[in-house]
Every structure is written in C-alpha cells, then in structure tokens.
PDB file of N, CA and C in Angstrom:
ATOM      1  N   MET A   1      68.714 122.450 102.531  1.00  0.00           N
ATOM      2  CA  MET A   1      69.382 121.030 102.282  1.00  0.00           C
ATOM      3  C   MET A   1      69.044 120.544 103.952  1.00  0.00           C
ATOM      4  N   LYS A   2      68.541 119.013 103.484  1.00  0.00           N
ATOM      5  CA  LYS A   2      68.356 118.464 104.721  1.00  0.00           C
ATOM      6  C   LYS A   2      69.524 117.403 105.318  1.00  0.00           C
ATOM      7  N   LYS A   3      69.354 117.083 106.052  1.00  0.00           N
ATOM      8  CA  LYS A   3      70.505 116.333 107.290  1.00  0.00           C
ATOM      9  C   LYS A   3      70.662 115.162 106.645  1.00  0.00           C
ATOM     10  N   GLU A   4      69.423 114.514 106.224  1.00  0.00           N
ATOM     11  CA  GLU A   4      69.623 113.185 105.660  1.00  0.00           C
ATOM     12  C   GLU A   4      70.412 113.504 104.081  1.00  0.00           C
ATOM     13  N   THR A   5      69.958 113.928 103.149  1.00  0.00           N
ATOM     14  CA  THR A   5      70.850 114.561 102.224  1.00  0.00           C
ATOM     15  C   THR A   5      71.926 114.204 102.184  1.00  0.00           C
ATOM     16  N   LEU A   6      72.860 115.265 103.022  1.00  0.00           N
ATOM     17  CA  LEU A   6      74.292 115.563 103.522  1.00  0.00           C
ATOM     18  C   LEU A   6      74.559 114.240 103.739  1.00  0.00           C
ATOM     19  N   PHE A   7      74.261 113.239 104.641  1.00  0.00           N
ATOM     20  CA  PHE A   7      74.393 112.326 104.923  1.00  0.00           C
ATOM     21  C   PHE A   7      74.518 111.343 104.145  1.00  0.00           C
ATOM     22  N   ASP A   8      73.279 110.832 103.514  1.00  0.00           N
ATOM     23  CA  ASP A   8      73.466 110.103 102.079  1.00  0.00           C
ATOM     24  C   ASP A   8      74.445 110.333 101.044  1.00  0.00           C
ATOM     25  N   VAL A   9      75.283 111.934 100.625  1.00  0.00           N
ATOM     26  CA  VAL A   9      76.083 112.294 100.134  1.00  0.00           C
ATOM     27  C   VAL A   9      77.482 111.741 100.655  1.00  0.00           C
ATOM     28  N   LEU A  10      77.321 111.643 101.963  1.00  0.00           N
ATOM     29  CA  LEU A  10      78.752 111.425 102.549  1.00  0.00           C
ATOM     30  C   LEU A  10      78.799 109.695 102.567  1.00  0.00           C
ATOM     31  N   ARG A  11      77.807 109.422 102.940  1.00  0.00           N
ATOM     32  CA  ARG A  11      78.009 107.601 102.371  1.00  0.00           C
ATOM     33  C   ARG A  11      78.468 107.295 101.342  1.00  0.00           C
ATOM     34  N   THR A  12      77.711 107.821 100.124  1.00  0.00           N
ATOM     35  CA  THR A  12      78.250 107.637  98.814  1.00  0.00           C
ATOM     36  C   THR A  12      79.684 107.835  98.804  1.00  0.00           C
ATOM     37  N   THR A  13      80.223 109.200  98.894  1.00  0.00           N
ATOM     38  CA  THR A  13      81.512 109.219  98.741  1.00  0.00           C
ATOM     39  C   THR A  13      82.637 108.276  99.706  1.00  0.00           C
ATOM     40  N   TYR A  14      81.639 108.143 100.683  1.00  0.00           N
ATOM     41  CA  TYR A  14      82.701 106.950 101.047  1.00  0.00           C
ATOM     42  C   TYR A  14      83.088 105.528 100.715  1.00  0.00           C
ATOM     43  N   LEU A  15      81.799 105.046 100.193  1.00  0.00           N
ATOM     44  CA  LEU A  15      81.489 103.725  99.672  1.00  0.00           C
ATOM     45  C   LEU A  15      81.664 103.694  97.969  1.00  0.00           C
ATOM     46  N   THR A  16      81.989 105.163  97.729  1.00  0.00           N
ATOM     47  CA  THR A  16      82.173 104.784  96.023  1.00  0.00           C
ATOM     48  C   THR A  16      82.867 106.329  95.572  1.00  0.00           C
ATOM     49  N   PRO A  17      83.861 106.322  96.139  1.00  0.00           N
ATOM     50  CA  PRO A  17      84.612 108.073  95.639  1.00  0.00           C
ATOM     51  C   PRO A  17      84.223 108.167  94.107  1.00  0.00           C
ATOM     52  N   TYR A  18      83.934 109.209  93.873  1.00  0.00           N
ATOM     53  CA  TYR A  18      83.599 109.865  92.605  1.00  0.00           C
ATOM     54  C   TYR A  18      84.386 111.140  92.183  1.00  0.00           C
ATOM     55  N   THR A  19      84.725 111.252  90.980  1.00  0.00           N
ATOM     56  CA  THR A  19      85.465 112.330  90.630  1.00  0.00           C
ATOM     57  C   THR A  19      85.048 113.693  90.248  1.00  0.00           C
ATOM     58  N   ILE A  20      86.068 114.709  90.693  1.00  0.00           N
ATOM     59  CA  ILE A  20      85.576 116.170  90.785  1.00  0.00           C
ATOM     60  C   ILE A  20      84.682 116.286  89.689  1.00  0.00           C
ATOM     61  N   SER A  21      84.323 116.109  88.810  1.00  0.00           N
ATOM     62  CA  SER A  21      83.812 116.535  87.545  1.00  0.00           C
ATOM     63  C   SER A  21      82.627 115.237  87.049  1.00  0.00           C
ATOM     64  N   SER A  22      82.762 114.256  87.802  1.00  0.00           N
ATOM     65  CA  SER A  22      81.432 113.556  87.579  1.00  0.00           C
ATOM     66  C   SER A  22      80.228 114.012  87.642  1.00  0.00           C
ATOM     67  N   ASP A  23      79.044 113.493  87.058  1.00  0.00           N
ATOM     68  CA  ASP A  23      77.851 113.833  87.010  1.00  0.00           C
ATOM     69  C   ASP A  23      77.359 113.967  88.841  1.00  0.00           C
ATOM     70  N   PHE A  24      77.714 113.164  89.120  1.00  0.00           N
ATOM     71  CA  PHE A  24      76.908 113.412  90.615  1.00  0.00           C
ATOM     72  C   PHE A  24      77.731 114.260  91.259  1.00  0.00           C
ATOM     73  N   ALA A  25      79.186 114.771  91.172  1.00  0.00           N
ATOM     74  CA  ALA A  25      79.723 115.849  91.558  1.00  0.00           C
ATOM     75  C   ALA A  25      78.646 117.411  91.225  1.00  0.00           C
ATOM     76  N   ARG A  26      78.312 117.113  89.951  1.00  0.00           N
ATOM     77  CA  ARG A  26      77.559 117.796  89.420  1.00  0.00           C
ATOM     78  C   ARG A  26      76.390 118.236  89.713  1.00  0.00           C
ATOM     79  N   TYR A  27      75.597 117.239  90.065  1.00  0.00           N
ATOM     80  CA  TYR A  27      73.962 117.278  90.386  1.00  0.00           C
ATOM     81  C   TYR A  27      73.971 117.712  92.357  1.00  0.00           C
ATOM     82  N   LYS A  28      75.455 117.003  93.044  1.00  0.00           N
ATOM     83  CA  LYS A  28      74.939 117.094  94.439  1.00  0.00           C
ATOM     84  C   LYS A  28      75.946 118.490  94.745  1.00  0.00           C
ATOM     85  N   ALA A  29      76.201 119.343  93.672  1.00  0.00           N
ATOM     86  CA  ALA A  29      77.408 120.234  94.050  1.00  0.00           C
ATOM     87  C   ALA A  29      77.305 121.211  95.582  1.00  0.00           C
ATOM     88  N   LYS A  30      76.307 121.223  95.728  1.00  0.00           N
ATOM     89  CA  LYS A  30      75.901 122.111  97.018  1.00  0.00           C
ATOM     90  C   LYS A  30      75.818 121.121  98.571  1.00  0.00           C
ATOM     91  N   GLU A  31      75.631 120.088  98.178  1.00  0.00           N
ATOM     92  CA  GLU A  31      75.887 119.505  99.598  1.00  0.00           C
ATOM     93  C   GLU A  31      77.407 118.662  99.442  1.00  0.00           C
ATOM     94  N   ILE A  32      78.086 118.778  98.533  1.00  0.00           N
ATOM     95  CA  ILE A  32      79.604 118.570  98.563  1.00  0.00           C
ATOM     96  C   ILE A  32      80.356 119.528  99.257  1.00  0.00           C
ATOM     97  N   ALA A  33      80.103 120.883  98.438  1.00  0.00           N
ATOM     98  CA  ALA A  33      80.639 122.116  98.989  1.00  0.00           C
ATOM     99  C   ALA A  33      80.342 122.211 100.797  1.00  0.00           C
ATOM    100  N   ALA A  34      79.144 121.807 101.267  1.00  0.00           N
ATOM    101  CA  ALA A  34      78.789 122.120 102.525  1.00  0.00           C
ATOM    102  C   ALA A  34      79.403 120.830 103.735  1.00  0.00           C
ATOM    103  N   LEU A  35      79.511 119.698 102.824  1.00  0.00           N
ATOM    104  CA  LEU A  35      80.011 118.521 103.511  1.00  0.00           C
ATOM    105  C   LEU A  35      81.999 118.750 103.613  1.00  0.00           C
ATOM    106  N   ALA A  36      82.684 119.161 102.399  1.00  0.00           N
ATOM    107  CA  ALA A  36      83.902 119.662 102.466  1.00  0.00           C
ATOM    108  C   ALA A  36      84.358 121.009 103.071  1.00  0.00           C
ATOM    109  N   SER A  37      83.351 121.814 103.339  1.00  0.00           N
ATOM    110  CA  SER A  37      83.568 122.856 104.545  1.00  0.00           C
ATOM    111  C   SER A  37      83.346 122.885 106.253  1.00  0.00           C
ATOM    112  N   MET A  38      82.800 121.423 106.224  1.00  0.00           N
ATOM    113  CA  MET A  38      82.401 121.239 107.262  1.00  0.00           C
ATOM    114  C   MET A  38      83.839 120.218 107.835  1.00  0.00           C
ATOM    115  N   GLY A  39      84.885 119.341 106.967  1.00  0.00           N
ATOM    116  CA  GLY A  39      85.969 118.843 106.800  1.00  0.00           C
ATOM    117  C   GLY A  39      85.326 117.044 106.752  1.00  0.00           C
ATOM    118  N   LEU A  40      84.259 117.190 106.326  1.00  0.00           N
ATOM    119  CA  LEU A  40      83.772 115.676 106.283  1.00  0.00           C
ATOM    120  C   LEU A  40      84.195 114.988 105.418  1.00  0.00           C
ATOM    121  N   ILE A  41      84.454 115.333 103.432  1.00  0.00           N
ATOM    122  CA  ILE A  41      85.158 114.873 102.575  1.00  0.00           C
ATOM    123  C   ILE A  41      86.712 115.756 101.796  1.00  0.00           C
ATOM    124  N   THR A  42      87.334 115.315 101.300  1.00  0.00           N
ATOM    125  CA  THR A  42      88.148 116.374 100.980  1.00  0.00           C
ATOM    126  C   THR A  42      88.746 115.504  99.166  1.00  0.00           C
ATOM    127  N   THR A  43      89.684 116.267  98.789  1.00  0.00           N
ATOM    128  CA  THR A  43      90.436 115.308  97.680  1.00  0.00           C
ATOM    129  C   THR A  43      91.222 115.437  97.957  1.00  0.00           C
ATOM    130  N   ARG A  44      91.752 116.006  99.463  1.00  0.00           N
ATOM    131  CA  ARG A  44      93.387 115.590  99.410  1.00  0.00           C
ATOM    132  C   ARG A  44      93.712 114.330  99.271  1.00  0.00           C
ATOM    133  N   GLU A  45      95.104 113.708  99.304  1.00  0.00           N
ATOM    134  CA  GLU A  45      96.008 112.764  98.705  1.00  0.00           C
ATOM    135  C   GLU A  45      96.720 112.570 100.029  1.00  0.00           C
ATOM    136  N   SER A  46      97.321 113.274 100.456  1.00  0.00           N
ATOM    137  CA  SER A  46      98.780 113.970 100.918  1.00  0.00           C
ATOM    138  C   SER A  46      98.884 115.291 101.107  1.00  0.00           C
ATOM    139  N   PHE A  47      99.740 115.214 102.106  1.00  0.00           N
ATOM    140  CA  PHE A  47     100.425 116.498 102.591  1.00  0.00           C
ATOM    141  C   PHE A  47     100.826 117.599 101.329  1.00  0.00           C
ATOM    142  N   CYS A  48      99.756 118.803 100.848  1.00  0.00           N
ATOM    143  CA  CYS A  48      99.805 119.397  99.670  1.00  0.00           C
ATOM    144  C   CYS A  48     100.086 118.876  98.545  1.00  0.00           C
ATOM    145  N   GLU A  49      99.442 117.521  98.276  1.00  0.00           N
ATOM    146  CA  GLU A  49      98.667 117.262  97.186  1.00  0.00           C
ATOM    147  C   GLU A  49      97.492 116.813  96.970  1.00  0.00           C
ATOM    148  N   TYR A  50      96.994 117.251  96.393  1.00  0.00           N
ATOM    149  CA  TYR A  50      95.103 116.840  95.684  1.00  0.00           C
ATOM    150  C   TYR A  50      95.166 115.955  94.840  1.00  0.00           C
ATOM    151  N   GLY A  51      93.780 115.225  94.429  1.00  0.00           N
ATOM    152  CA  GLY A  51      93.616 114.120  93.940  1.00  0.00           C
ATOM    153  C   GLY A  51      92.484 114.635  93.118  1.00  0.00           C
ATOM    154  N   ARG A  52      91.773 113.565  92.446  1.00  0.00           N
ATOM    155  CA  ARG A  52      90.521 114.176  91.400  1.00  0.00           C
ATOM    156  C   ARG A  52      89.212 113.359  92.041  1.00  0.00           C
ATOM    157  N   PHE A  53      89.324 113.011  93.000  1.00  0.00           N
ATOM    158  CA  PHE A  53      88.360 111.810  94.177  1.00  0.00           C
ATOM    159  C   PHE A  53      88.286 112.654  95.006  1.00  0.00           C
ATOM    160  N   TRP A  54      86.683 112.681  95.284  1.00  0.00           N
ATOM    161  CA  TRP A  54      86.023 113.199  96.378  1.00  0.00           C
ATOM    162  C   TRP A  54      86.252 111.948  97.184  1.00  0.00           C
ATOM    163  N   ARG A  55      87.030 112.173  98.497  1.00  0.00           N
ATOM    164  CA  ARG A  55      86.533 111.053  99.574  1.00  0.00           C
ATOM    165  C   ARG A  55      86.266 111.454 100.855  1.00  0.00           C
ATOM    166  N   ALA A  56      85.637 110.762 101.777  1.00  0.00           N
ATOM    167  CA  ALA A  56      85.585 110.857 102.993  1.00  0.00           C
ATOM    168  C   ALA A  56      86.798 111.317 104.184  1.00  0.00           C
ATOM    169  N   THR A  57      87.008 112.089 104.841  1.00  0.00           N
ATOM    170  CA  THR A  57      87.869 111.992 105.908  1.00  0.00           C
ATOM    171  C   THR A  57      87.862 111.119 107.167  1.00  0.00           C
ATOM    172  N   GLU A  58      88.610 111.183 107.874  1.00  0.00           N
ATOM    173  CA  GLU A  58      88.320 110.668 109.485  1.00  0.00           C
ATOM    174  C   GLU A  58      87.409 111.151 109.816  1.00  0.00           C
ATOM    175  N   LYS A  59      87.547 112.488 110.363  1.00  0.00           N
ATOM    176  CA  LYS A  59      86.236 112.949 110.623  1.00  0.00           C
ATOM    177  C   LYS A  59      84.683 112.504 110.054  1.00  0.00           C
ATOM    178  N   GLY A  60      84.885 112.531 108.747  1.00  0.00           N
ATOM    179  CA  GLY A  60      83.243 111.893 108.071  1.00  0.00           C
ATOM    180  C   GLY A  60      83.161 110.505 108.146  1.00  0.00           C
ATOM    181  N   ILE A  61      84.223 109.342 108.503  1.00  0.00           N
ATOM    182  CA  ILE A  61      84.264 108.730 108.457  1.00  0.00           C
ATOM    183  C   ILE A  61      83.508 108.075 109.888  1.00  0.00           C
ATOM    184  N   SER A  62      83.870 108.781 110.948  1.00  0.00           N
ATOM    185  CA  SER A  62      83.317 109.056 112.333  1.00  0.00           C
ATOM    186  C   SER A  62      81.772 109.118 112.619  1.00  0.00           C
ATOM    187  N   HIS A  63      81.433 110.511 111.762  1.00  0.00           N
ATOM    188  CA  HIS A  63      80.023 110.717 111.830  1.00  0.00           C
ATOM    189  C   HIS A  63      79.522 109.620 111.058  1.00  0.00           C
ATOM    190  N   LEU A  64      79.500 108.701 110.264  1.00  0.00           N
ATOM    191  CA  LEU A  64      78.978 107.443 109.392  1.00  0.00           C
ATOM    192  C   LEU A  64      78.672 106.857 110.658  1.00  0.00           C
ATOM    193  N   ARG A  65      79.805 106.102 111.275  1.00  0.00           N
ATOM    194  CA  ARG A  65      79.773 105.290 112.600  1.00  0.00           C
ATOM    195  C   ARG A  65      78.935 105.865 113.654  1.00  0.00           C
ATOM    196  N   ASP A  66      78.909 107.109 113.564  1.00  0.00           N
ATOM    197  CA  ASP A  66      78.158 107.726 114.739  1.00  0.00           C
ATOM    198  C   ASP A  66      76.599 107.657 114.425  1.00  0.00           C
ATOM    199  N   GLU A  67      76.343 107.702 113.239  1.00  0.00           N
ATOM    200  CA  GLU A  67      74.751 107.710 112.635  1.00  0.00           C
ATOM    201  C   GLU A  67      74.515 106.282 112.552  1.00  0.00           C
ATOM    202  N   GLY A  68      75.367 105.413 112.434  1.00  0.00           N
ATOM    203  CA  GLY A  68      75.087 104.120 112.447  1.00  0.00           C
ATOM    204  C   GLY A  68      75.033 103.099 110.765  1.00  0.00           C
ATOM    205  N   SER A  69      75.362 104.635 110.164  1.00  0.00           N
ATOM    206  CA  SER A  69      75.336 104.539 108.715  1.00  0.00           C
ATOM    207  C   SER A  69      76.702 103.304 108.083  1.00  0.00           C
ATOM    208  N   ILE A  70      77.793 103.151 108.838  1.00  0.00           N
ATOM    209  CA  ILE A  70      78.420 101.943 108.076  1.00  0.00           C
ATOM    210  C   ILE A  70      78.585 101.106 109.471  1.00  0.00           C
TER     211      ILE A  70
END
C-alpha cells in the first residue's frame, strides 16, 4: 500500500464523505482500514454515537494540511 494512495483516500474522505457500504468503501477497504486504525478517519459523530459516513478526523485534516493537500 503506497503512501500516496492513503493520502488520496484521506483527501477524498475529507472532500466528499462516503457511506460505509458504498462502492468506494468496498474498493478501498484496505486503505480505509489503515486510515481508521491510524485515527485519520472515523464514523464517529459524537460521544458514543457512530454514523454511516466515513469522515476525516482532526488528526487526518492536520496531516492533509501538512502535506499541502488542502
């Protein structure tokens, strides 16, 4: 898995959140799992509440800014 691929998926997540059961989520399942385990994306909406959309976390947005992607 390439670093560029992870950042492409992270950027897509930030710009256009997608559902957990979307075709994109199925196609990029490994990258999404890696990003989620690193704490860069989540489905968490609030304390103890989770939704259906993957979204970039504050940590993920910080990484995008550091890379100059946003």
